[in-house]
């Protein structure tokens, strides 16, 4: 491999990248210019840490347990009456 090959390949790559950037800046001026496009939305508030995460989790689990009990009761009722329209 010739000693100057990496140098010329680097120059070729730099020329290619420069050419692409020049083409974009000439052909698509709005892609390069920054202009005011209306009011910016403010950032959302910072995340808040829970002061008592254990209590909130217990409440969540209790609510989900109630949902499951309702589903279990519905499944038992369906099993008693059978599949199909209510009797």
N, C-alpha and C. Protein backbone atom coordinates (compact mmCIF):
# COMPACT_ATOMS: atom_id res chain seq x y z
N UNK A 1 0.85 -1.17 0.00
CA UNK A 1 0.00 0.00 0.00
C UNK A 1 0.90 1.24 0.00
N UNK A 2 0.63 2.16 -0.90
CA UNK A 2 1.45 3.39 -0.94
C UNK A 2 1.28 4.20 0.35
N UNK A 3 2.32 4.88 0.73
CA UNK A 3 2.32 5.64 1.99
C UNK A 3 1.33 6.80 1.95
N UNK A 4 1.08 7.38 0.78
CA UNK A 4 0.21 8.54 0.68
C UNK A 4 -1.25 8.17 0.48
N UNK A 5 -1.58 6.91 0.34
CA UNK A 5 -2.96 6.50 0.08
C UNK A 5 -3.93 6.93 1.19
N UNK A 6 -3.63 6.68 2.49
CA UNK A 6 -4.56 7.15 3.54
C UNK A 6 -4.76 8.67 3.53
N UNK A 7 -3.68 9.41 3.24
CA UNK A 7 -3.79 10.86 3.18
C UNK A 7 -4.74 11.29 2.08
N UNK A 8 -4.59 10.73 0.89
CA UNK A 8 -5.45 11.11 -0.23
C UNK A 8 -6.88 10.63 -0.03
N UNK A 9 -7.05 9.48 0.59
CA UNK A 9 -8.42 9.03 0.89
C UNK A 9 -9.08 9.97 1.89
N UNK A 10 -8.32 10.44 2.89
CA UNK A 10 -8.84 11.41 3.85
C UNK A 10 -9.21 12.72 3.17
N UNK A 11 -8.35 13.17 2.25
CA UNK A 11 -8.65 14.40 1.51
C UNK A 11 -9.89 14.23 0.65
N UNK A 12 -10.03 13.07 0.02
CA UNK A 12 -11.20 12.79 -0.80
C UNK A 12 -12.47 12.79 0.04
N UNK A 13 -12.40 12.17 1.20
CA UNK A 13 -13.56 12.15 2.11
C UNK A 13 -13.92 13.56 2.57
N UNK A 14 -12.91 14.35 2.94
CA UNK A 14 -13.16 15.73 3.38
C UNK A 14 -13.77 16.56 2.26
N UNK A 15 -13.28 16.37 1.03
CA UNK A 15 -13.83 17.11 -0.11
C UNK A 15 -15.28 16.69 -0.36
N UNK A 16 -15.57 15.41 -0.23
CA UNK A 16 -16.94 14.94 -0.43
C UNK A 16 -17.88 15.54 0.61
N UNK A 17 -17.49 15.49 1.88
CA UNK A 17 -18.33 16.05 2.95
C UNK A 17 -18.51 17.55 2.75
N UNK A 18 -17.44 18.25 2.41
CA UNK A 18 -17.54 19.68 2.15
C UNK A 18 -18.45 19.98 0.97
N UNK A 19 -18.36 19.16 -0.07
CA UNK A 19 -19.24 19.35 -1.22
C UNK A 19 -20.70 19.14 -0.88
N UNK A 20 -20.98 18.13 -0.08
CA UNK A 20 -22.37 17.87 0.33
C UNK A 20 -22.89 19.04 1.16
N UNK A 21 -22.09 19.52 2.10
CA UNK A 21 -22.52 20.65 2.94
C UNK A 21 -22.73 21.92 2.10
N UNK A 22 -21.85 22.15 1.14
CA UNK A 22 -21.99 23.31 0.27
C UNK A 22 -23.25 23.18 -0.59
N UNK A 23 -23.50 22.01 -1.11
CA UNK A 23 -24.70 21.79 -1.93
C UNK A 23 -25.96 22.01 -1.11
N UNK A 24 -25.97 21.53 0.12
CA UNK A 24 -27.14 21.73 0.98
C UNK A 24 -27.35 23.21 1.27
N UNK A 25 -26.26 23.91 1.60
CA UNK A 25 -26.41 25.33 1.95
C UNK A 25 -26.83 26.18 0.75
N UNK A 26 -26.43 25.79 -0.45
CA UNK A 26 -26.83 26.55 -1.64
C UNK A 26 -28.21 26.12 -2.13
N UNK A 27 -28.45 24.83 -2.16
CA UNK A 27 -29.70 24.32 -2.72
C UNK A 27 -30.89 24.41 -1.80
N UNK A 28 -30.65 24.35 -0.50
CA UNK A 28 -31.75 24.36 0.48
C UNK A 28 -31.45 25.38 1.57
N UNK A 29 -31.56 26.67 1.26
CA UNK A 29 -31.23 27.70 2.26
C UNK A 29 -32.05 27.59 3.55
N UNK A 30 -33.35 27.21 3.51
CA UNK A 30 -34.08 27.12 4.78
C UNK A 30 -33.52 26.06 5.72
N UNK A 31 -32.76 25.10 5.18
CA UNK A 31 -32.20 24.06 6.05
C UNK A 31 -31.06 24.59 6.89
N UNK A 32 -30.47 25.70 6.48
CA UNK A 32 -29.32 26.23 7.19
C UNK A 32 -29.70 27.41 8.08
N UNK A 33 -30.69 28.20 7.66
CA UNK A 33 -31.05 29.40 8.38
C UNK A 33 -31.96 29.07 9.57
N UNK A 34 -31.71 29.73 10.66
CA UNK A 34 -32.57 29.63 11.82
C UNK A 34 -33.37 30.92 11.90
N UNK A 35 -34.67 30.77 12.00
CA UNK A 35 -35.49 31.96 12.10
C UNK A 35 -36.58 31.73 13.15
N UNK A 36 -37.12 32.82 13.61
CA UNK A 36 -38.16 32.75 14.63
C UNK A 36 -39.42 32.16 14.03
N UNK A 37 -39.93 31.10 14.61
CA UNK A 37 -41.11 30.42 14.07
C UNK A 37 -42.26 30.40 15.08
N UNK A 38 -42.32 31.38 15.93
CA UNK A 38 -43.42 31.44 16.89
C UNK A 38 -42.94 31.15 18.30
N UNK A 39 -43.86 31.23 19.24
CA UNK A 39 -43.47 31.03 20.64
C UNK A 39 -43.07 29.58 20.90
N UNK A 40 -42.07 29.42 21.72
CA UNK A 40 -41.62 28.09 22.11
C UNK A 40 -42.41 27.63 23.32
N UNK A 41 -42.70 26.35 23.37
CA UNK A 41 -43.40 25.81 24.54
C UNK A 41 -42.41 25.68 25.68
N UNK A 42 -42.89 25.94 26.87
CA UNK A 42 -42.02 25.81 28.03
C UNK A 42 -41.82 24.33 28.35
N UNK A 43 -40.74 24.04 28.99
CA UNK A 43 -40.46 22.66 29.35
C UNK A 43 -41.41 22.21 30.45
N UNK A 44 -41.73 20.93 30.51
CA UNK A 44 -42.59 20.45 31.59
C UNK A 44 -41.86 20.57 32.93
N UNK A 45 -42.63 20.56 34.02
CA UNK A 45 -41.98 20.68 35.33
C UNK A 45 -41.07 19.47 35.59
N UNK A 46 -40.11 19.71 36.44
CA UNK A 46 -39.17 18.63 36.78
C UNK A 46 -39.91 17.48 37.46
N UNK A 47 -39.44 16.27 37.30
CA UNK A 47 -40.12 15.15 37.96
C UNK A 47 -40.08 15.31 39.48
N UNK A 48 -41.16 14.92 40.09
CA UNK A 48 -41.25 15.02 41.55
C UNK A 48 -41.04 13.63 42.15
N UNK A 49 -40.28 13.57 43.19
CA UNK A 49 -40.07 12.30 43.88
C UNK A 49 -41.23 12.05 44.82
N UNK A 50 -41.60 10.80 44.96
CA UNK A 50 -42.69 10.46 45.86
C UNK A 50 -42.18 10.49 47.29
N UNK A 51 -42.99 11.06 48.17
CA UNK A 51 -42.58 11.12 49.57
C UNK A 51 -42.83 9.79 50.27
N UNK A 52 -43.87 9.06 49.84
CA UNK A 52 -44.18 7.76 50.44
C UNK A 52 -44.56 6.78 49.33
N UNK A 53 -43.60 6.28 48.58
CA UNK A 53 -43.94 5.41 47.45
C UNK A 53 -44.56 4.08 47.88
N UNK A 54 -44.24 3.61 49.08
CA UNK A 54 -44.77 2.33 49.53
C UNK A 54 -46.29 2.40 49.70
N UNK A 55 -46.79 3.49 50.29
CA UNK A 55 -48.24 3.64 50.49
C UNK A 55 -48.96 3.72 49.15
N UNK A 56 -48.39 4.47 48.21
CA UNK A 56 -49.03 4.59 46.90
C UNK A 56 -49.07 3.24 46.20
N UNK A 57 -48.01 2.47 46.32
CA UNK A 57 -47.98 1.14 45.70
C UNK A 57 -49.01 0.22 46.35
N UNK A 58 -49.15 0.30 47.67
CA UNK A 58 -50.15 -0.53 48.35
C UNK A 58 -51.55 -0.17 47.88
N UNK A 59 -51.85 1.13 47.73
CA UNK A 59 -53.16 1.55 47.22
C UNK A 59 -53.38 1.04 45.80
N UNK A 60 -52.35 1.13 44.98
CA UNK A 60 -52.45 0.66 43.60
C UNK A 60 -52.72 -0.85 43.57
N UNK A 61 -51.97 -1.60 44.36
CA UNK A 61 -52.16 -3.05 44.39
C UNK A 61 -53.54 -3.43 44.91
N UNK A 62 -54.05 -2.69 45.91
CA UNK A 62 -55.39 -2.97 46.43
C UNK A 62 -56.45 -2.70 45.35
N UNK A 63 -56.30 -1.63 44.60
CA UNK A 63 -57.25 -1.33 43.53
C UNK A 63 -57.21 -2.41 42.45
N UNK A 64 -56.04 -2.86 42.09
CA UNK A 64 -55.92 -3.91 41.08
C UNK A 64 -56.47 -5.24 41.61
N UNK A 65 -56.29 -5.50 42.89
CA UNK A 65 -56.83 -6.72 43.48
C UNK A 65 -58.36 -6.71 43.43
N UNK A 66 -58.96 -5.54 43.66
CA UNK A 66 -60.42 -5.42 43.55
C UNK A 66 -60.88 -5.68 42.13
N UNK A 67 -60.13 -5.16 41.15
CA UNK A 67 -60.48 -5.43 39.76
C UNK A 67 -60.43 -6.92 39.47
N UNK A 68 -59.38 -7.59 39.96
CA UNK A 68 -59.26 -9.02 39.72
C UNK A 68 -60.39 -9.80 40.38
N UNK A 69 -60.81 -9.38 41.58
CA UNK A 69 -61.92 -10.07 42.24
C UNK A 69 -63.20 -9.91 41.42
N UNK A 70 -63.42 -8.74 40.84
CA UNK A 70 -64.58 -8.54 39.99
C UNK A 70 -64.53 -9.43 38.76
N UNK A 71 -63.34 -9.57 38.19
CA UNK A 71 -63.18 -10.44 37.02
C UNK A 71 -63.41 -11.89 37.40
N UNK A 72 -62.88 -12.29 38.57
CA UNK A 72 -63.09 -13.67 39.04
C UNK A 72 -64.57 -13.95 39.24
N UNK A 73 -65.29 -12.99 39.82
CA UNK A 73 -66.72 -13.18 40.04
C UNK A 73 -67.45 -13.30 38.70
N UNK A 74 -67.08 -12.51 37.73
CA UNK A 74 -67.71 -12.58 36.42
C UNK A 74 -67.42 -13.92 35.75
N UNK A 75 -66.21 -14.41 35.91
CA UNK A 75 -65.85 -15.71 35.33
C UNK A 75 -66.64 -16.84 35.99
N UNK A 76 -66.79 -16.77 37.31
CA UNK A 76 -67.56 -17.80 38.02
C UNK A 76 -69.03 -17.77 37.57
N UNK A 77 -69.58 -16.57 37.43
CA UNK A 77 -70.97 -16.44 37.00
C UNK A 77 -71.15 -17.00 35.58
N UNK A 78 -70.19 -16.72 34.72
CA UNK A 78 -70.25 -17.26 33.35
C UNK A 78 -70.15 -18.77 33.37
N UNK A 79 -69.29 -19.31 34.23
CA UNK A 79 -69.16 -20.77 34.31
C UNK A 79 -70.43 -21.40 34.83
N UNK A 80 -71.15 -20.75 35.76
CA UNK A 80 -72.40 -21.31 36.31
C UNK A 80 -73.48 -21.34 35.24
N UNK A 81 -73.67 -20.25 34.51
CA UNK A 81 -74.78 -20.19 33.55
C UNK A 81 -74.43 -20.82 32.22
N UNK A 82 -73.15 -20.98 31.92
CA UNK A 82 -72.76 -21.56 30.64
C UNK A 82 -72.52 -20.48 29.61
N UNK A 83 -71.99 -20.90 28.52
CA UNK A 83 -71.65 -19.95 27.47
C UNK A 83 -72.89 -19.64 26.64
N UNK A 84 -73.04 -18.40 26.23
CA UNK A 84 -74.19 -18.02 25.41
C UNK A 84 -74.98 -16.92 26.07
N UNK A 85 -76.21 -16.69 25.58
CA UNK A 85 -77.02 -15.60 26.15
C UNK A 85 -77.44 -15.92 27.58
N UNK A 86 -77.66 -14.88 28.40
CA UNK A 86 -78.06 -15.12 29.79
C UNK A 86 -79.38 -15.88 29.89
N UNK A 87 -79.48 -16.72 30.90
CA UNK A 87 -80.71 -17.54 31.09
C UNK A 87 -81.60 -16.89 32.10
